[in-house]
Amino acid sequence: MKETFEFDCRLDTCPLCKSKQIVFLYAIVHAKPPFTVYQCNVCNFIFMNPPLTKESEIALYDEGYYTGEADYTYYDERKVEQYSQYVWNARLKNIRKYVQSGNLLDVGCSFGGFLQTASKYFTVYGIEPSAYAGKYAQQRFGNDVIHTGTLFDHPFKENSFSVITMIEVLEHIRNPYEALTECYHLCTNNGLLVIQTANMDGLQAKLQKHKYGYFLPGHFSYFTKKNLAETVTKIGFRKVMVFQPVDFGLLPKLLKSRMNFKSINDYKSWLRIARYHYMSKIHMGNFSLTSSMVVYAFK
């Protein structure tokens, strides 16, 4: 399936800090469609510029995105939920060290697998921009639980959620400052916002430059640990914790990886996964060897 994508007008200000001091950084030629990214000289935020039109953005996440028929694809989590459970349970165990119960909102909830696991402890809700995935999640939980749309057109009230999760979602959002502000309004006092995304200050991203695999046509926004932490603090979150590479240990990652195994030889990949995990533990200040991070922001 071949898609035709269009780009919007070129941005002249940084989507994160609103500075006009932005410069061309890379042409991402390995992507389909190819695109360019700029960087802000004030906060070091990197962003797709010009961005895709909103119509082209919506078209990215049709059925082909999940079935592998499109140029830009992701796996269908419905087929591997038994393996994803290891990571979901590990993340929830860590979240519940800080927030035991209440309402949980998963932004970018896909087919609702994580919400199903979280429902053991929380009253769950979801936001999913893909009409294809959102319809399935609505059938699973109900239209009043799952909103097919975005953080900017949802029906939920302010101060409603003790936990909001954005797992590999924030990079897909073209206006991140406004999205994070909306999360702040949706959080209860003492609520927790969980964000997983890439740290562009990591040596991994800096060495690979324009070839870094995180540069994808659905990714509008690329953060550093520093500018993401500073942004959520500026918005009003009172405390920030950063986990590198993620907020749980190695074993759940290894167990989840078996979803792709076809023979016993595939267990060799555990060496690579373990190596990456422990390399990610090497970080100091804004420096880190790899580019994985999870941010906990407390209201």
Protein backbone atom coordinates (compact mmCIF):
# COMPACT_ATOMS: atom_id res chain seq x y z
CA MET A 1 0.00 0.00 0.00
CA LYS A 2 1.58 3.29 -1.10
CA GLU A 3 0.54 6.50 0.61
CA THR A 4 0.76 10.07 -0.62
CA PHE A 5 1.65 12.51 2.13
CA GLU A 6 1.63 16.30 2.18
CA PHE A 7 3.48 18.75 4.40
CA ASP A 8 2.13 21.84 6.11
CA CYS A 9 3.70 25.31 6.20
CA ARG A 10 7.19 25.60 7.64
CA LEU A 11 7.28 26.58 11.31
CA ASP A 12 9.22 29.68 12.35
CA THR A 13 9.12 29.12 16.12
CA CYS A 14 10.03 26.24 18.43
CA PRO A 15 6.93 24.18 19.34
CA LEU A 16 8.28 23.65 22.87
CA CYS A 17 9.67 26.99 24.12
CA LYS A 18 8.30 29.25 21.33
CA SER A 19 11.72 30.74 20.52
CA LYS A 20 12.38 31.94 16.98
CA GLN A 21 16.01 30.79 17.20
CA ILE A 22 15.58 27.60 15.19
CA VAL A 23 17.95 26.09 12.62
CA PHE A 24 17.95 23.24 10.15
CA LEU A 25 19.46 20.07 11.65
CA TYR A 26 18.97 16.97 9.46
CA ALA A 27 17.30 15.64 6.34
CA ILE A 28 15.81 12.26 7.24
CA VAL A 29 16.09 10.41 3.94
CA HIS A 30 15.58 6.86 5.24
CA ALA A 31 11.94 7.57 6.11
CA LYS A 32 8.89 7.21 3.88
CA PRO A 33 8.09 9.98 3.32
CA PRO A 34 11.46 11.72 3.81
CA PHE A 35 11.33 14.83 5.99
CA THR A 36 13.52 17.43 7.65
CA VAL A 37 14.05 18.28 11.30
CA TYR A 38 15.05 21.57 12.89
CA GLN A 39 16.53 22.29 16.31
CA CYS A 40 15.90 25.14 18.71
CA ASN A 41 19.10 26.95 19.73
CA VAL A 42 17.52 27.96 23.05
CA CYS A 43 16.11 24.68 24.46
CA ASN A 44 17.65 22.12 22.02
CA PHE A 45 14.23 20.70 21.15
CA ILE A 46 14.21 18.91 17.76
CA PHE A 47 11.07 18.83 15.62
CA MET A 48 9.78 17.89 12.19
CA ASN A 49 9.72 21.02 10.04
CA PRO A 50 7.66 21.42 8.00
CA PRO A 51 5.28 19.01 9.74
CA LEU A 52 2.87 16.73 7.93
CA THR A 53 -0.58 18.14 7.38
CA LYS A 54 -3.13 16.96 9.92
CA GLU A 55 -4.87 14.99 7.16
CA SER A 56 -1.65 13.16 6.33
CA GLU A 57 -0.99 12.57 10.02
CA ILE A 58 -4.39 10.91 10.46
CA ALA A 59 -3.76 8.77 7.39
CA LEU A 60 -0.62 7.32 9.01
CA TYR A 61 -2.65 5.38 11.56
CA ASP A 62 -5.18 3.52 9.46
CA GLU A 63 -5.48 -0.27 9.39
CA GLY A 64 -2.29 -0.67 7.36
CA TYR A 65 -0.23 0.79 10.22
CA TYR A 66 -1.12 -2.26 12.32
CA THR A 67 -1.23 -4.93 9.63
CA GLY A 68 2.14 -4.14 8.04
CA GLU A 69 0.62 -3.11 4.71
CA ALA A 70 1.76 0.53 4.97
CA ASP A 71 5.26 1.96 4.57
CA TYR A 72 5.13 3.22 8.17
CA THR A 73 3.96 0.42 10.46
CA TYR A 74 3.76 -0.82 14.03
CA TYR A 75 2.94 -4.26 15.39
CA ASP A 76 -0.61 -5.28 16.32
CA GLU A 77 -0.44 -5.62 20.10
CA ARG A 78 -3.62 -7.73 20.18
CA LYS A 79 -1.60 -10.65 18.86
CA VAL A 80 1.09 -10.46 21.55
CA GLU A 81 -0.70 -9.27 24.68
CA GLN A 82 0.43 -12.34 26.63
CA TYR A 83 4.04 -11.18 26.18
CA SER A 84 3.38 -7.48 26.67
CA GLN A 85 1.84 -8.31 30.05
CA TYR A 86 5.32 -8.72 31.52
CA VAL A 87 6.22 -5.10 30.80
CA TRP A 88 2.77 -3.75 31.63
CA ASN A 89 2.72 -5.47 35.03
CA ALA A 90 6.26 -4.33 35.80
CA ARG A 91 5.41 -0.72 34.96
CA LEU A 92 2.23 -0.81 37.04
CA LYS A 93 4.15 -2.24 39.98
CA ASN A 94 6.46 0.78 39.87
CA ILE A 95 3.62 3.27 39.34
CA ARG A 96 1.82 1.85 42.37
CA LYS A 97 4.81 2.67 44.56
CA TYR A 98 3.62 6.28 44.20
CA VAL A 99 -0.11 6.06 43.36
CA GLN A 100 -2.08 3.06 44.57
CA SER A 101 -5.48 3.58 42.96
CA GLY A 102 -7.86 6.05 41.33
CA ASN A 103 -8.60 6.93 37.71
CA LEU A 104 -5.92 6.14 35.12
CA LEU A 105 -5.85 7.68 31.64
CA ASP A 106 -3.71 6.07 28.94
CA VAL A 107 -3.04 8.57 26.14
CA GLY A 108 -2.46 6.60 22.95
CA CYS A 109 -4.14 3.50 24.38
CA SER A 110 -4.12 1.60 21.06
CA PHE A 111 -6.31 -1.52 21.38
CA GLY A 112 -6.50 -1.23 25.17
CA GLY A 113 -4.15 -3.99 26.29
CA PHE A 114 -2.37 -1.90 28.92
CA LEU A 115 -5.72 -0.60 30.18
CA GLN A 116 -6.97 -4.15 30.62
CA THR A 117 -3.97 -4.93 32.82
CA ALA A 118 -4.25 -1.63 34.71
CA SER A 119 -7.95 -2.24 35.43
CA LYS A 120 -6.90 -4.63 38.21
CA TYR A 121 -5.86 -1.58 40.23
CA PHE A 122 -7.39 1.52 38.61
CA THR A 123 -10.57 2.75 36.99
CA VAL A 124 -9.31 3.05 33.45
CA TYR A 125 -9.90 5.45 30.56
CA GLY A 126 -8.17 5.94 27.23
CA ILE A 127 -7.55 8.35 24.38
CA GLU A 128 -6.67 6.90 20.98
CA PRO A 129 -6.21 9.01 17.80
CA SER A 130 -6.40 6.04 15.42
CA ALA A 131 -10.00 5.37 14.39
CA TYR A 132 -9.07 1.77 13.62
CA ALA A 133 -7.54 0.99 17.03
CA GLY A 134 -9.93 3.27 18.91
CA LYS A 135 -13.00 1.45 17.58
CA TYR A 136 -11.66 -1.85 18.90
CA ALA A 137 -10.85 -0.31 22.29
CA GLN A 138 -14.36 1.19 22.46
CA GLN A 139 -15.87 -2.22 21.80
CA ARG A 140 -13.72 -3.59 24.58
CA PHE A 141 -14.42 -0.93 27.23
CA GLY A 142 -17.29 1.26 25.99
CA ASN A 143 -17.56 4.62 24.26
CA ASP A 144 -17.71 6.47 27.58
CA VAL A 145 -14.33 5.00 28.59
CA ILE A 146 -12.39 5.34 25.33
CA HIS A 147 -12.24 8.61 23.42
CA THR A 148 -11.27 8.28 19.77
CA GLY A 149 -9.50 11.57 19.26
CA THR A 150 -6.78 13.62 20.96
CA LEU A 151 -5.87 15.44 24.14
CA PHE A 152 -7.43 18.54 22.60
CA ASP A 153 -10.97 17.29 21.91
CA HIS A 154 -11.66 14.81 24.72
CA PRO A 155 -14.72 14.89 27.05
CA PHE A 156 -12.87 14.37 30.35
CA LYS A 157 -13.00 16.90 33.19
CA GLU A 158 -10.04 18.63 34.83
CA ASN A 159 -8.51 17.06 37.95
CA SER A 160 -9.91 13.65 37.02
CA PHE A 161 -6.91 11.31 36.87
CA SER A 162 -4.48 10.17 39.53
CA VAL A 163 -2.28 8.63 36.81
CA ILE A 164 -1.81 9.61 33.15
CA THR A 165 0.46 7.48 30.95
CA MET A 166 1.98 8.54 27.63
CA ILE A 167 4.10 5.57 26.56
CA GLU A 168 5.92 6.30 23.30
CA VAL A 169 3.24 8.87 22.48
CA LEU A 170 4.59 12.38 23.14
CA GLU A 171 6.92 12.19 20.13
CA HIS A 172 3.82 11.74 17.94
CA ILE A 173 2.37 15.09 19.06
CA ARG A 174 3.17 18.25 17.08
CA ASN A 175 2.32 20.71 19.88
CA PRO A 176 3.92 19.10 22.94
CA TYR A 177 3.81 22.09 25.30
CA GLU A 178 0.04 22.34 24.94
CA ALA A 179 -0.33 18.55 25.31
CA LEU A 180 1.68 18.49 28.52
CA THR A 181 -0.28 21.47 29.83
CA GLU A 182 -3.53 19.60 29.19
CA CYS A 183 -2.15 16.59 31.08
CA TYR A 184 -1.39 18.90 34.00
CA HIS A 185 -5.00 20.10 34.03
CA LEU A 186 -6.32 16.53 33.85
CA CYS A 187 -4.15 15.32 36.76
CA THR A 188 -5.45 15.39 40.31
CA ASN A 189 -3.34 17.00 43.01
CA ASN A 190 -0.52 14.55 43.80
CA GLY A 191 -1.29 12.87 40.46
CA LEU A 192 1.41 11.29 38.31
CA LEU A 193 2.22 11.75 34.63
CA VAL A 194 4.35 8.97 33.08
CA ILE A 195 6.14 9.69 29.79
CA GLN A 196 8.31 7.30 27.81
CA THR A 197 10.22 8.79 24.88
CA ALA A 198 13.76 9.13 23.51
CA ASN A 199 16.49 11.28 25.04
CA MET A 200 18.18 13.06 22.14
CA ASP A 201 21.10 13.98 24.41
CA GLY A 202 21.99 10.31 24.59
CA LEU A 203 25.23 9.32 22.89
CA GLN A 204 23.26 6.81 20.82
CA ALA A 205 21.26 9.58 19.12
CA LYS A 206 24.22 11.94 18.81
CA LEU A 207 26.47 9.38 17.13
CA GLN A 208 23.83 8.09 14.72
CA LYS A 209 22.66 11.62 13.84
CA HIS A 210 20.24 11.60 10.87
CA LYS A 211 20.38 7.80 10.73
CA TYR A 212 18.99 7.40 14.24
CA GLY A 213 16.06 4.98 14.03
CA TYR A 214 13.79 7.17 16.15
CA PHE A 215 13.46 9.62 13.26
CA LEU A 216 10.16 8.35 11.86
CA PRO A 217 7.40 10.02 9.80
CA GLY A 218 4.96 9.78 12.71
CA HIS A 219 7.36 11.46 15.14
CA PHE A 220 6.99 15.23 15.25
CA SER A 221 8.81 15.91 18.55
CA TYR A 222 12.24 14.90 19.91
CA PHE A 223 13.22 15.77 23.48
CA THR A 224 16.23 15.79 25.74
CA LYS A 225 16.05 14.77 29.38
CA LYS A 226 16.79 18.39 30.29
CA ASN A 227 14.20 20.18 28.15
CA LEU A 228 11.44 17.69 28.96
CA ALA A 229 12.06 17.95 32.70
CA GLU A 230 12.27 21.74 32.51
CA THR A 231 9.05 21.93 30.48
CA VAL A 232 6.90 19.88 32.86
CA THR A 233 8.33 21.87 35.78
CA LYS A 234 7.51 25.14 34.04
CA ILE A 235 3.96 23.94 33.43
CA GLY A 236 3.56 23.30 37.16
CA PHE A 237 4.53 19.75 38.03
CA ARG A 238 6.30 19.93 41.39
CA LYS A 239 8.67 16.97 41.14
CA VAL A 240 10.35 15.10 38.27
CA MET A 241 12.06 11.69 38.30
CA VAL A 242 13.89 10.24 35.28
CA PHE A 243 14.48 6.51 34.84
CA GLN A 244 17.08 5.28 32.37
CA PRO A 245 16.43 3.20 30.36
CA VAL A 246 12.94 2.49 31.74
CA ASP A 247 11.07 2.34 35.05
CA PHE A 248 11.45 -1.43 35.51
CA GLY A 249 14.15 -4.06 35.30
CA LEU A 250 15.62 -6.22 32.57
CA LEU A 251 13.62 -9.44 33.04
CA PRO A 252 10.24 -8.10 31.81
CA LYS A 253 11.95 -6.85 28.63
CA LEU A 254 13.51 -10.25 28.01
CA LEU A 255 10.22 -12.07 28.54
CA LYS A 256 8.36 -9.67 26.25
CA SER A 257 10.94 -10.16 23.49
CA ARG A 258 9.81 -13.77 23.10
CA MET A 259 6.83 -12.49 21.12
CA ASN A 260 9.11 -12.45 18.06
CA PHE A 261 10.84 -15.78 18.67
CA LYS A 262 10.55 -18.55 16.09
CA SER A 263 13.36 -20.86 17.27
CA ILE A 264 15.62 -21.45 20.24
CA ASN A 265 18.36 -19.50 18.44
CA ASP A 266 16.33 -16.36 18.97
CA TYR A 267 17.32 -16.41 22.63
CA LYS A 268 20.68 -15.07 21.50
CA SER A 269 18.95 -11.68 21.20
CA TRP A 270 18.83 -11.58 25.00
CA LEU A 271 22.54 -10.77 25.00
CA ARG A 272 21.90 -7.68 22.87
CA ILE A 273 18.91 -6.61 24.96
CA ALA A 274 20.82 -7.06 28.21
CA ARG A 275 23.82 -5.18 26.86
CA TYR A 276 21.65 -2.22 25.86
CA HIS A 277 19.82 -2.26 29.20
CA TYR A 278 22.99 -2.11 31.26
CA MET A 279 24.67 0.41 28.96
CA SER A 280 21.66 2.64 29.63
CA LYS A 281 22.55 2.65 33.31
CA ILE A 282 25.65 4.68 32.46
CA HIS A 283 24.57 8.31 32.68
CA MET A 284 25.50 11.46 34.56
CA GLY A 285 23.73 14.79 34.38
CA ASN A 286 22.61 15.34 30.80
CA PHE A 287 24.97 12.66 29.47
CA SER A 288 23.90 9.07 28.84
CA LEU A 289 25.23 6.27 26.66
CA THR A 290 21.83 5.39 25.19
CA SER A 291 18.70 7.35 24.40
CA SER A 292 15.95 5.56 26.36
CA MET A 293 14.18 7.29 29.25
CA VAL A 294 10.97 7.36 31.24
CA VAL A 295 9.92 10.54 33.06
CA TYR A 296 7.64 10.62 36.10
CA ALA A 297 6.17 14.09 36.77
CA PHE A 298 4.16 14.65 39.97
CA LYS A 299 1.54 17.39 40.28
